[in-house]
């Protein structure tokens, strides 16, 4: 057992825990949902919303219509390449489901 010269930071402890539990890759993949509008641009983001990433690297996207699903399937190689830049985990597939896009709830003001 090695002796540490300094206490660990909270970030180091959390990082170590996530790594031991195998969650680092999963969290990295989930970041793709958050980055979706930045990756695809405003026009696509108005018509398609990333919703979830499975553990095996499938990104599920809700699209407004079948034509948008077709458009995204054609754009998928470029979208996946951009989503996977600098990422530990790899998103390997984009799957679309057609349905209405609900607006996300507005941010709640912080309590004083």
PDB file of N, CA and C in Angstrom:
ATOM      1  N   UNK A   1       0.845  -1.170   0.000  1.00  0.00           N
ATOM      2  CA  UNK A   1       0.000   0.000   0.000  1.00  0.00           C
ATOM      3  C   UNK A   1       0.892   1.236   0.000  1.00  0.00           C
ATOM      4  N   UNK A   2       0.603   2.185  -0.868  1.00  0.00           N
ATOM      5  CA  UNK A   2       1.408   3.404  -0.937  1.00  0.00           C
ATOM      6  C   UNK A   2       0.798   4.468  -0.049  1.00  0.00           C
ATOM      7  N   UNK A   3       1.651   5.336   0.401  1.00  0.00           N
ATOM      8  CA  UNK A   3       1.199   6.415   1.270  1.00  0.00           C
ATOM      9  C   UNK A   3       1.086   7.692   0.457  1.00  0.00           C
ATOM     10  N   UNK A   4       0.013   8.420   0.627  1.00  0.00           N
ATOM     11  CA  UNK A   4      -0.212   9.667  -0.107  1.00  0.00           C
ATOM     12  C   UNK A   4       0.394  10.822   0.670  1.00  0.00           C
ATOM     13  N   UNK A   5       0.924  11.786  -0.094  1.00  0.00           N
ATOM     14  CA  UNK A   5       1.487  12.980   0.518  1.00  0.00           C
ATOM     15  C   UNK A   5       0.426  14.038   0.771  1.00  0.00           C
ATOM     16  N   UNK A   6      -0.721  13.904   0.127  1.00  0.00           N
ATOM     17  CA  UNK A   6      -1.760  14.912   0.260  1.00  0.00           C
ATOM     18  C   UNK A   6      -3.120  14.236   0.205  1.00  0.00           C
ATOM     19  N   UNK A   7      -4.120  14.879   0.758  1.00  0.00           N
ATOM     20  CA  UNK A   7      -5.470  14.315   0.653  1.00  0.00           C
ATOM     21  C   UNK A   7      -5.970  14.412  -0.789  1.00  0.00           C
ATOM     22  N   UNK A   8      -6.862  13.528  -1.153  1.00  0.00           N
ATOM     23  CA  UNK A   8      -7.448  13.555  -2.490  1.00  0.00           C
ATOM     24  C   UNK A   8      -8.512  14.642  -2.568  1.00  0.00           C
ATOM     25  N   UNK A   9      -8.626  15.264  -3.742  1.00  0.00           N
ATOM     26  CA  UNK A   9      -9.696  16.233  -3.953  1.00  0.00           C
ATOM     27  C   UNK A   9     -10.996  15.487  -4.186  1.00  0.00           C
ATOM     28  N   UNK A  10     -12.104  16.195  -4.044  1.00  0.00           N
ATOM     29  CA  UNK A  10     -13.405  15.591  -4.287  1.00  0.00           C
ATOM     30  C   UNK A  10     -13.493  15.088  -5.732  1.00  0.00           C
ATOM     31  N   UNK A  11     -12.969  15.864  -6.675  1.00  0.00           N
ATOM     32  CA  UNK A  11     -12.971  15.460  -8.078  1.00  0.00           C
ATOM     33  C   UNK A  11     -12.216  14.160  -8.301  1.00  0.00           C
ATOM     34  N   UNK A  12     -11.087  14.000  -7.622  1.00  0.00           N
ATOM     35  CA  UNK A  12     -10.308  12.762  -7.746  1.00  0.00           C
ATOM     36  C   UNK A  12     -11.075  11.575  -7.166  1.00  0.00           C
ATOM     37  N   UNK A  13     -11.721  11.803  -6.025  1.00  0.00           N
ATOM     38  CA  UNK A  13     -12.499  10.728  -5.402  1.00  0.00           C
ATOM     39  C   UNK A  13     -13.674  10.308  -6.279  1.00  0.00           C
ATOM     40  N   UNK A  14     -14.414  11.290  -6.814  1.00  0.00           N
ATOM     41  CA  UNK A  14     -15.554  10.985  -7.677  1.00  0.00           C
ATOM     42  C   UNK A  14     -15.075  10.287  -8.943  1.00  0.00           C
ATOM     43  N   UNK A  15     -14.015  10.805  -9.557  1.00  0.00           N
ATOM     44  CA  UNK A  15     -13.466  10.190 -10.767  1.00  0.00           C
ATOM     45  C   UNK A  15     -13.047   8.749 -10.527  1.00  0.00           C
ATOM     46  N   UNK A  16     -12.402   8.499  -9.401  1.00  0.00           N
ATOM     47  CA  UNK A  16     -11.973   7.151  -9.057  1.00  0.00           C
ATOM     48  C   UNK A  16     -13.174   6.229  -8.859  1.00  0.00           C
ATOM     49  N   UNK A  17     -14.205   6.720  -8.163  1.00  0.00           N
ATOM     50  CA  UNK A  17     -15.417   5.932  -7.939  1.00  0.00           C
ATOM     51  C   UNK A  17     -16.089   5.583  -9.263  1.00  0.00           C
ATOM     52  N   UNK A  18     -16.274   6.598 -10.131  1.00  0.00           N
ATOM     53  CA  UNK A  18     -16.931   6.359 -11.420  1.00  0.00           C
ATOM     54  C   UNK A  18     -16.154   5.357 -12.254  1.00  0.00           C
ATOM     55  N   UNK A  19     -14.851   5.475 -12.221  1.00  0.00           N
ATOM     56  CA  UNK A  19     -14.006   4.559 -12.984  1.00  0.00           C
ATOM     57  C   UNK A  19     -14.134   3.126 -12.451  1.00  0.00           C
ATOM     58  N   UNK A  20     -14.084   2.979 -11.142  1.00  0.00           N
ATOM     59  CA  UNK A  20     -14.198   1.639 -10.538  1.00  0.00           C
ATOM     60  C   UNK A  20     -15.544   0.997 -10.852  1.00  0.00           C
ATOM     61  N   UNK A  21     -16.594   1.797 -10.920  1.00  0.00           N
ATOM     62  CA  UNK A  21     -17.941   1.275 -11.180  1.00  0.00           C
ATOM     63  C   UNK A  21     -18.243   1.151 -12.676  1.00  0.00           C
ATOM     64  N   UNK A  22     -17.305   1.551 -13.519  1.00  0.00           N
ATOM     65  CA  UNK A  22     -17.500   1.449 -14.962  1.00  0.00           C
ATOM     66  C   UNK A  22     -18.463   2.478 -15.529  1.00  0.00           C
ATOM     67  N   UNK A  23     -18.612   3.616 -14.851  1.00  0.00           N
ATOM     68  CA  UNK A  23     -19.582   4.621 -15.277  1.00  0.00           C
ATOM     69  C   UNK A  23     -18.974   5.763 -16.092  1.00  0.00           C
ATOM     70  N   UNK A  24     -17.667   5.846 -16.154  1.00  0.00           N
ATOM     71  CA  UNK A  24     -17.025   6.959 -16.861  1.00  0.00           C
ATOM     72  C   UNK A  24     -17.434   6.984 -18.327  1.00  0.00           C
ATOM     73  N   UNK A  25     -17.360   5.849 -18.998  1.00  0.00           N
ATOM     74  CA  UNK A  25     -17.726   5.770 -20.412  1.00  0.00           C
ATOM     75  C   UNK A  25     -19.202   6.121 -20.606  1.00  0.00           C
ATOM     76  N   UNK A  26     -20.051   5.625 -19.724  1.00  0.00           N
ATOM     77  CA  UNK A  26     -21.498   5.868 -19.833  1.00  0.00           C
ATOM     78  C   UNK A  26     -21.816   7.360 -19.701  1.00  0.00           C
ATOM     79  N   UNK A  27     -21.182   8.028 -18.750  1.00  0.00           N
ATOM     80  CA  UNK A  27     -21.386   9.464 -18.590  1.00  0.00           C
ATOM     81  C   UNK A  27     -20.870  10.222 -19.801  1.00  0.00           C
ATOM     82  N   UNK A  28     -19.758   9.764 -20.338  1.00  0.00           N
ATOM     83  CA  UNK A  28     -19.200  10.402 -21.525  1.00  0.00           C
ATOM     84  C   UNK A  28     -20.175  10.287 -22.697  1.00  0.00           C
ATOM     85  N   UNK A  29     -20.764   9.125 -22.875  1.00  0.00           N
ATOM     86  CA  UNK A  29     -21.743   8.930 -23.950  1.00  0.00           C
ATOM     87  C   UNK A  29     -22.975   9.803 -23.740  1.00  0.00           C
ATOM     88  N   UNK A  30     -23.441   9.908 -22.504  1.00  0.00           N
ATOM     89  CA  UNK A  30     -24.637  10.703 -22.214  1.00  0.00           C
ATOM     90  C   UNK A  30     -24.429  12.173 -22.557  1.00  0.00           C
ATOM     91  N   UNK A  31     -23.190  12.639 -22.549  1.00  0.00           N
ATOM     92  CA  UNK A  31     -22.897  14.025 -22.913  1.00  0.00           C
ATOM     93  C   UNK A  31     -23.291  14.349 -24.339  1.00  0.00           C
ATOM     94  N   UNK A  32     -23.453  13.344 -25.175  1.00  0.00           N
ATOM     95  CA  UNK A  32     -23.853  13.570 -26.570  1.00  0.00           C
ATOM     96  C   UNK A  32     -25.247  14.171 -26.649  1.00  0.00           C
ATOM     97  N   UNK A  33     -26.117  13.808 -25.732  1.00  0.00           N
ATOM     98  CA  UNK A  33     -27.477  14.357 -25.722  1.00  0.00           C
ATOM     99  C   UNK A  33     -27.408  15.860 -25.475  1.00  0.00           C
ATOM    100  N   UNK A  34     -26.590  16.242 -24.532  1.00  0.00           N
ATOM    101  CA  UNK A  34     -26.432  17.665 -24.213  1.00  0.00           C
ATOM    102  C   UNK A  34     -25.800  18.444 -25.368  1.00  0.00           C
ATOM    103  N   UNK A  35     -24.869  17.836 -26.073  1.00  0.00           N
ATOM    104  CA  UNK A  35     -24.156  18.512 -27.166  1.00  0.00           C
ATOM    105  C   UNK A  35     -24.923  18.505 -28.487  1.00  0.00           C
ATOM    106  N   UNK A  36     -26.022  17.779 -28.573  1.00  0.00           N
ATOM    107  CA  UNK A  36     -26.774  17.609 -29.818  1.00  0.00           C
ATOM    108  C   UNK A  36     -27.022  18.925 -30.562  1.00  0.00           C
ATOM    109  N   UNK A  37     -27.632  19.954 -29.938  1.00  0.00           N
ATOM    110  CA  UNK A  37     -27.910  21.192 -30.689  1.00  0.00           C
ATOM    111  C   UNK A  37     -26.645  21.845 -31.253  1.00  0.00           C
ATOM    112  N   UNK A  38     -25.584  21.804 -30.491  1.00  0.00           N
ATOM    113  CA  UNK A  38     -24.307  22.376 -30.946  1.00  0.00           C
ATOM    114  C   UNK A  38     -23.753  21.610 -32.151  1.00  0.00           C
ATOM    115  N   UNK A  39     -23.918  20.296 -32.149  1.00  0.00           N
ATOM    116  CA  UNK A  39     -23.376  19.443 -33.213  1.00  0.00           C
ATOM    117  C   UNK A  39     -24.187  19.565 -34.499  1.00  0.00           C
ATOM    118  N   UNK A  40     -25.516  19.548 -34.383  1.00  0.00           N
ATOM    119  CA  UNK A  40     -26.350  19.494 -35.588  1.00  0.00           C
ATOM    120  C   UNK A  40     -26.794  20.862 -36.098  1.00  0.00           C
ATOM    121  N   UNK A  41     -26.710  21.874 -35.265  1.00  0.00           N
ATOM    122  CA  UNK A  41     -27.136  23.207 -35.693  1.00  0.00           C
ATOM    123  C   UNK A  41     -28.593  23.480 -35.355  1.00  0.00           C
ATOM    124  N   UNK A  42     -28.943  24.756 -35.420  1.00  0.00           N
ATOM    125  CA  UNK A  42     -30.266  25.218 -34.986  1.00  0.00           C
ATOM    126  C   UNK A  42     -31.413  24.611 -35.797  1.00  0.00           C
ATOM    127  N   UNK A  43     -31.271  24.561 -37.118  1.00  0.00           N
ATOM    128  CA  UNK A  43     -32.350  24.072 -37.984  1.00  0.00           C
ATOM    129  C   UNK A  43     -32.700  22.611 -37.669  1.00  0.00           C
ATOM    130  N   UNK A  44     -31.687  21.772 -37.580  1.00  0.00           N
ATOM    131  CA  UNK A  44     -31.936  20.355 -37.272  1.00  0.00           C
ATOM    132  C   UNK A  44     -32.440  20.214 -35.836  1.00  0.00           C
ATOM    133  N   UNK A  45     -31.855  20.959 -34.912  1.00  0.00           N
ATOM    134  CA  UNK A  45     -32.256  20.853 -33.505  1.00  0.00           C
ATOM    135  C   UNK A  45     -33.716  21.249 -33.287  1.00  0.00           C
ATOM    136  N   UNK A  46     -34.260  22.124 -34.140  1.00  0.00           N
ATOM    137  CA  UNK A  46     -35.678  22.486 -34.037  1.00  0.00           C
ATOM    138  C   UNK A  46     -36.591  21.334 -34.459  1.00  0.00           C
ATOM    139  N   UNK A  47     -36.050  20.401 -35.216  1.00  0.00           N
ATOM    140  CA  UNK A  47     -36.855  19.318 -35.778  1.00  0.00           C
ATOM    141  C   UNK A  47     -36.473  17.927 -35.287  1.00  0.00           C
ATOM    142  N   UNK A  48     -35.411  17.852 -34.511  1.00  0.00           N
ATOM    143  CA  UNK A  48     -34.944  16.559 -34.002  1.00  0.00           C
ATOM    144  C   UNK A  48     -34.255  16.783 -32.663  1.00  0.00           C
ATOM    145  N   UNK A  49     -34.623  15.980 -31.674  1.00  0.00           N
ATOM    146  CA  UNK A  49     -34.042  16.140 -30.336  1.00  0.00           C
ATOM    147  C   UNK A  49     -33.438  14.824 -29.873  1.00  0.00           C
ATOM    148  N   UNK A  50     -32.159  14.864 -29.518  1.00  0.00           N
ATOM    149  CA  UNK A  50     -31.510  13.687 -28.936  1.00  0.00           C
ATOM    150  C   UNK A  50     -32.127  13.444 -27.564  1.00  0.00           C
ATOM    151  N   UNK A  51     -32.470  12.189 -27.292  1.00  0.00           N
ATOM    152  CA  UNK A  51     -33.162  11.882 -26.047  1.00  0.00           C
ATOM    153  C   UNK A  51     -32.375  10.997 -25.106  1.00  0.00           C
ATOM    154  N   UNK A  52     -31.654  10.015 -25.642  1.00  0.00           N
ATOM    155  CA  UNK A  52     -30.956   9.077 -24.759  1.00  0.00           C
ATOM    156  C   UNK A  52     -29.872   8.336 -25.540  1.00  0.00           C
ATOM    157  N   UNK A  53     -28.902   7.845 -24.788  1.00  0.00           N
ATOM    158  CA  UNK A  53     -27.858   6.996 -25.355  1.00  0.00           C
ATOM    159  C   UNK A  53     -27.849   5.703 -24.562  1.00  0.00           C
ATOM    160  N   UNK A  54     -27.880   4.589 -25.263  1.00  0.00           N
ATOM    161  CA  UNK A  54     -27.830   3.293 -24.590  1.00  0.00           C
ATOM    162  C   UNK A  54     -26.385   2.949 -24.259  1.00  0.00           C
ATOM    163  N   UNK A  55     -26.211   1.986 -23.376  1.00  0.00           N
ATOM    164  CA  UNK A  55     -24.872   1.575 -22.961  1.00  0.00           C
ATOM    165  C   UNK A  55     -24.055   1.031 -24.126  1.00  0.00           C
ATOM    166  N   UNK A  56     -24.732   0.507 -25.139  1.00  0.00           N
ATOM    167  CA  UNK A  56     -23.996  -0.035 -26.288  1.00  0.00           C
ATOM    168  C   UNK A  56     -23.806   0.989 -27.405  1.00  0.00           C
ATOM    169  N   UNK A  57     -24.053   2.273 -27.120  1.00  0.00           N
ATOM    170  CA  UNK A  57     -23.697   3.333 -28.063  1.00  0.00           C
ATOM    171  C   UNK A  57     -24.740   3.690 -29.103  1.00  0.00           C
ATOM    172  N   UNK A  58     -25.997   3.484 -28.812  1.00  0.00           N
ATOM    173  CA  UNK A  58     -27.055   3.891 -29.740  1.00  0.00           C
ATOM    174  C   UNK A  58     -27.670   5.188 -29.233  1.00  0.00           C
ATOM    175  N   UNK A  59     -27.669   6.201 -30.075  1.00  0.00           N
ATOM    176  CA  UNK A  59     -28.257   7.497 -29.746  1.00  0.00           C
ATOM    177  C   UNK A  59     -29.676   7.520 -30.304  1.00  0.00           C
ATOM    178  N   UNK A  60     -30.656   7.684 -29.415  1.00  0.00           N
ATOM    179  CA  UNK A  60     -32.058   7.762 -29.818  1.00  0.00           C
ATOM    180  C   UNK A  60     -32.449   9.217 -29.990  1.00  0.00           C
ATOM    181  N   UNK A  61     -33.062   9.520 -31.137  1.00  0.00           N
ATOM    182  CA  UNK A  61     -33.443  10.883 -31.482  1.00  0.00           C
ATOM    183  C   UNK A  61     -34.917  10.921 -31.831  1.00  0.00           C
ATOM    184  N   UNK A  62     -35.648  11.825 -31.202  1.00  0.00           N
ATOM    185  CA  UNK A  62     -37.061  12.062 -31.532  1.00  0.00           C
ATOM    186  C   UNK A  62     -37.083  13.062 -32.680  1.00  0.00           C
ATOM    187  N   UNK A  63     -37.775  12.724 -33.767  1.00  0.00           N
ATOM    188  CA  UNK A  63     -37.865  13.612 -34.931  1.00  0.00           C
ATOM    189  C   UNK A  63     -39.315  13.988 -35.187  1.00  0.00           C
ATOM    190  N   UNK A  64     -39.498  15.149 -35.783  1.00  0.00           N
ATOM    191  CA  UNK A  64     -40.823  15.709 -36.028  1.00  0.00           C
ATOM    192  C   UNK A  64     -41.606  14.928 -37.088  1.00  0.00           C
ATOM    193  N   UNK A  65     -40.905  14.332 -38.068  1.00  0.00           N
ATOM    194  CA  UNK A  65     -41.607  13.674 -39.179  1.00  0.00           C
ATOM    195  C   UNK A  65     -40.710  12.617 -39.823  1.00  0.00           C
ATOM    196  N   UNK A  66     -41.328  11.789 -40.657  1.00  0.00           N
ATOM    197  CA  UNK A  66     -40.564  10.768 -41.392  1.00  0.00           C
ATOM    198  C   UNK A  66     -39.515  11.381 -42.314  1.00  0.00           C
ATOM    199  N   UNK A  67     -39.827  12.470 -43.032  1.00  0.00           N
ATOM    200  CA  UNK A  67     -38.769  13.080 -43.846  1.00  0.00           C
ATOM    201  C   UNK A  67     -37.559  13.506 -43.016  1.00  0.00           C
ATOM    202  N   UNK A  68     -37.795  13.978 -41.778  1.00  0.00           N
ATOM    203  CA  UNK A  68     -36.659  14.342 -40.929  1.00  0.00           C
ATOM    204  C   UNK A  68     -35.876  13.104 -40.513  1.00  0.00           C
ATOM    205  N   UNK A  69     -36.544  11.986 -40.305  1.00  0.00           N
ATOM    206  CA  UNK A  69     -35.847  10.739 -39.987  1.00  0.00           C
ATOM    207  C   UNK A  69     -34.953  10.327 -41.156  1.00  0.00           C
ATOM    208  N   UNK A  70     -35.467  10.466 -42.373  1.00  0.00           N
ATOM    209  CA  UNK A  70     -34.677  10.139 -43.563  1.00  0.00           C
ATOM    210  C   UNK A  70     -33.479  11.082 -43.693  1.00  0.00           C
ATOM    211  N   UNK A  71     -33.728  12.366 -43.459  1.00  0.00           N
ATOM    212  CA  UNK A  71     -32.641  13.359 -43.531  1.00  0.00           C
ATOM    213  C   UNK A  71     -31.532  13.024 -42.532  1.00  0.00           C
ATOM    214  N   UNK A  72     -31.915  12.694 -41.314  1.00  0.00           N
ATOM    215  CA  UNK A  72     -30.903  12.357 -40.310  1.00  0.00           C
ATOM    216  C   UNK A  72     -30.158  11.076 -40.655  1.00  0.00           C
ATOM    217  N   UNK A  73     -30.845  10.110 -41.257  1.00  0.00           N
ATOM    218  CA  UNK A  73     -30.146   8.876 -41.642  1.00  0.00           C
ATOM    219  C   UNK A  73     -29.074   9.169 -42.690  1.00  0.00           C
ATOM    220  N   UNK A  74     -29.354  10.131 -43.567  1.00  0.00           N
ATOM    221  CA  UNK A  74     -28.349  10.522 -44.561  1.00  0.00           C
ATOM    222  C   UNK A  74     -27.200  11.310 -43.930  1.00  0.00           C
ATOM    223  N   UNK A  75     -27.502  12.071 -42.896  1.00  0.00           N
ATOM    224  CA  UNK A  75     -26.489  12.883 -42.220  1.00  0.00           C
ATOM    225  C   UNK A  75     -25.736  12.110 -41.134  1.00  0.00           C
ATOM    226  N   UNK A  76     -26.197  10.918 -40.797  1.00  0.00           N
ATOM    227  CA  UNK A  76     -25.670  10.164 -39.659  1.00  0.00           C
ATOM    228  C   UNK A  76     -24.152  10.005 -39.643  1.00  0.00           C
ATOM    229  N   UNK A  77     -23.505   9.648 -40.746  1.00  0.00           N
ATOM    230  CA  UNK A  77     -22.042   9.483 -40.663  1.00  0.00           C
ATOM    231  C   UNK A  77     -21.331  10.765 -40.206  1.00  0.00           C
ATOM    232  N   UNK A  78     -21.762  11.914 -40.719  1.00  0.00           N
ATOM    233  CA  UNK A  78     -21.137  13.181 -40.297  1.00  0.00           C
ATOM    234  C   UNK A  78     -21.476  13.513 -38.856  1.00  0.00           C
ATOM    235  N   UNK A  79     -22.726  13.303 -38.462  1.00  0.00           N
ATOM    236  CA  UNK A  79     -23.141  13.595 -37.089  1.00  0.00           C
ATOM    237  C   UNK A  79     -22.371  12.716 -36.107  1.00  0.00           C
ATOM    238  N   UNK A  80     -22.287  11.423 -36.405  1.00  0.00           N
ATOM    239  CA  UNK A  80     -21.575  10.505 -35.516  1.00  0.00           C
ATOM    240  C   UNK A  80     -20.095  10.867 -35.405  1.00  0.00           C
ATOM    241  N   UNK A  81     -19.490  11.236 -36.515  1.00  0.00           N
ATOM    242  CA  UNK A  81     -18.072  11.634 -36.484  1.00  0.00           C
ATOM    243  C   UNK A  81     -17.875  12.833 -35.563  1.00  0.00           C
ATOM    244  N   UNK A  82     -18.752  13.818 -35.664  1.00  0.00           N
ATOM    245  CA  UNK A  82     -18.624  15.007 -34.813  1.00  0.00           C
ATOM    246  C   UNK A  82     -18.912  14.685 -33.354  1.00  0.00           C
ATOM    247  N   UNK A  83     -19.926  13.851 -33.098  1.00  0.00           N
ATOM    248  CA  UNK A  83     -20.243  13.483 -31.719  1.00  0.00           C
ATOM    249  C   UNK A  83     -19.125  12.688 -31.064  1.00  0.00           C
ATOM    250  N   UNK A  84     -18.391  11.909 -31.842  1.00  0.00           N
ATOM    251  CA  UNK A  84     -17.347  11.050 -31.290  1.00  0.00           C
ATOM    252  C   UNK A  84     -15.979  11.716 -31.193  1.00  0.00           C
ATOM    253  N   UNK A  85     -15.833  12.928 -31.703  1.00  0.00           N
ATOM    254  CA  UNK A  85     -14.547  13.632 -31.604  1.00  0.00           C
ATOM    255  C   UNK A  85     -14.182  13.836 -30.140  1.00  0.00           C
ATOM    256  N   UNK A  86     -12.988  13.400 -29.752  1.00  0.00           N
ATOM    257  CA  UNK A  86     -12.491  13.630 -28.408  1.00  0.00           C
ATOM    258  C   UNK A  86     -13.263  12.924 -27.309  1.00  0.00           C
ATOM    259  N   UNK A  87     -13.910  11.851 -27.621  1.00  0.00           N
ATOM    260  CA  UNK A  87     -14.768  11.145 -26.666  1.00  0.00           C
ATOM    261  C   UNK A  87     -14.177   9.767 -26.369  1.00  0.00           C
ATOM    262  N   UNK A  88     -14.280   9.354 -25.111  1.00  0.00           N
ATOM    263  CA  UNK A  88     -13.815   8.012 -24.735  1.00  0.00           C
ATOM    264  C   UNK A  88     -14.734   6.945 -25.311  1.00  0.00           C
ATOM    265  N   UNK A  89     -16.020   7.049 -24.997  1.00  0.00           N
ATOM    266  CA  UNK A  89     -16.994   6.105 -25.526  1.00  0.00           C
ATOM    267  C   UNK A  89     -17.355   6.481 -26.947  1.00  0.00           C
ATOM    268  N   UNK A  90     -17.838   5.552 -27.698  1.00  0.00           N
ATOM    269  CA  UNK A  90     -18.202   5.813 -29.091  1.00  0.00           C
ATOM    270  C   UNK A  90     -19.687   5.583 -29.311  1.00  0.00           C
ATOM    271  N   UNK A  91     -20.326   6.573 -29.910  1.00  0.00           N
ATOM    272  CA  UNK A  91     -21.701   6.406 -30.339  1.00  0.00           C
ATOM    273  C   UNK A  91     -21.618   5.750 -31.704  1.00  0.00           C
ATOM    274  N   UNK A  92     -22.194   4.587 -31.837  1.00  0.00           N
ATOM    275  CA  UNK A  92     -22.001   3.815 -33.062  1.00  0.00           C
ATOM    276  C   UNK A  92     -23.191   3.883 -34.010  1.00  0.00           C
ATOM    277  N   UNK A  93     -24.341   4.324 -33.490  1.00  0.00           N
ATOM    278  CA  UNK A  93     -25.535   4.315 -34.335  1.00  0.00           C
ATOM    279  C   UNK A  93     -26.506   5.401 -33.884  1.00  0.00           C
ATOM    280  N   UNK A  94     -27.233   5.939 -34.849  1.00  0.00           N
ATOM    281  CA  UNK A  94     -28.264   6.936 -34.580  1.00  0.00           C
ATOM    282  C   UNK A  94     -29.596   6.314 -34.991  1.00  0.00           C
ATOM    283  N   UNK A  95     -30.550   6.279 -34.081  1.00  0.00           N
ATOM    284  CA  UNK A  95     -31.878   5.727 -34.389  1.00  0.00           C
ATOM    285  C   UNK A  95     -32.931   6.796 -34.126  1.00  0.00           C
ATOM    286  N   UNK A  96     -33.865   6.895 -35.041  1.00  0.00           N
ATOM    287  CA  UNK A  96     -34.905   7.926 -34.947  1.00  0.00           C
ATOM    288  C   UNK A  96     -36.250   7.315 -34.620  1.00  0.00           C
ATOM    289  N   UNK A  97     -37.029   8.073 -33.867  1.00  0.00           N
ATOM    290  CA  UNK A  97     -38.433   7.737 -33.651  1.00  0.00           C
ATOM    291  C   UNK A  97     -39.231   8.996 -33.949  1.00  0.00           C
ATOM    292  N   UNK A  98     -40.304   8.814 -34.691  1.00  0.00           N
ATOM    293  CA  UNK A  98     -41.120   9.939 -35.146  1.00  0.00           C
ATOM    294  C   UNK A  98     -42.189  10.246 -34.115  1.00  0.00           C
ATOM    295  N   UNK A  99     -42.352  11.509 -33.828  1.00  0.00           N
ATOM    296  CA  UNK A  99     -43.383  11.931 -32.895  1.00  0.00           C
ATOM    297  C   UNK A  99     -43.266  13.415 -32.626  1.00  0.00           C
ATOM    298  N   UNK A 100     -44.235  13.959 -31.914  1.00  0.00           N
ATOM    299  CA  UNK A 100     -44.198  15.396 -31.634  1.00  0.00           C
ATOM    300  C   UNK A 100     -43.043  15.740 -30.703  1.00  0.00           C
ATOM    301  N   UNK A 101     -42.455  16.884 -30.952  1.00  0.00           N
ATOM    302  CA  UNK A 101     -41.389  17.366 -30.078  1.00  0.00           C
ATOM    303  C   UNK A 101     -42.018  18.302 -29.057  1.00  0.00           C
ATOM    304  N   UNK A 102     -41.930  17.931 -27.826  1.00  0.00           N
ATOM    305  CA  UNK A 102     -42.446  18.804 -26.784  1.00  0.00           C
ATOM    306  C   UNK A 102     -41.341  19.763 -26.374  1.00  0.00           C
ATOM    307  N   UNK A 103     -41.741  20.944 -26.023  1.00  0.00           N
ATOM    308  CA  UNK A 103     -40.764  21.933 -25.586  1.00  0.00           C
ATOM    309  C   UNK A 103     -40.292  21.581 -24.188  1.00  0.00           C
ATOM    310  N   UNK A 104     -38.985  21.723 -23.941  1.00  0.00           N
ATOM    311  CA  UNK A 104     -38.506  21.445 -22.580  1.00  0.00           C
ATOM    312  C   UNK A 104     -39.074  22.498 -21.631  1.00  0.00           C
ATOM    313  N   UNK A 105     -39.245  22.130 -20.366  1.00  0.00           N
ATOM    314  CA  UNK A 105     -39.789  23.113 -19.418  1.00  0.00           C
ATOM    315  C   UNK A 105     -38.815  24.275 -19.251  1.00  0.00           C
ATOM    316  N   UNK A 106     -39.345  25.475 -19.019  1.00  0.00           N
ATOM    317  CA  UNK A 106     -38.456  26.614 -18.834  1.00  0.00           C
ATOM    318  C   UNK A 106     -37.654  26.457 -17.557  1.00  0.00           C
ATOM    319  N   UNK A 107     -36.453  27.035 -17.502  1.00  0.00           N
ATOM    320  CA  UNK A 107     -35.655  26.919 -16.274  1.00  0.00           C
ATOM    321  C   UNK A 107     -36.367  27.608 -15.109  1.00  0.00           C
ATOM    322  N   UNK A 108     -36.271  26.991 -13.970  1.00  0.00           N
ATOM    323  CA  UNK A 108     -36.898  27.541 -12.772  1.00  0.00           C
ATOM    324  C   UNK A 108     -35.984  28.579 -12.147  1.00  0.00           C
ATOM    325  N   UNK A 109     -36.536  29.720 -11.729  1.00  0.00           N
ATOM    326  CA  UNK A 109     -35.694  30.722 -11.077  1.00  0.00           C
ATOM    327  C   UNK A 109     -35.185  30.186  -9.735  1.00  0.00           C
ATOM    328  N   UNK A 110     -33.995  30.610  -9.391  1.00  0.00           N
ATOM    329  CA  UNK A 110     -33.418  30.167  -8.118  1.00  0.00           C
ATOM    330  C   UNK A 110     -34.124  30.880  -6.975  1.00  0.00           C
ATOM    331  N   UNK A 111     -34.312  30.142  -5.902  1.00  0.00           N
ATOM    332  CA  UNK A 111     -34.946  30.723  -4.714  1.00  0.00           C
ATOM    333  C   UNK A 111     -33.976  31.681  -4.043  1.00  0.00           C
ATOM    334  N   UNK A 112     -34.468  32.789  -3.524  1.00  0.00           N
ATOM    335  CA  UNK A 112     -33.563  33.745  -2.855  1.00  0.00           C
ATOM    336  C   UNK A 112     -32.985  33.217  -1.577  1.00  0.00           C
TER     337      UNK A 112
END
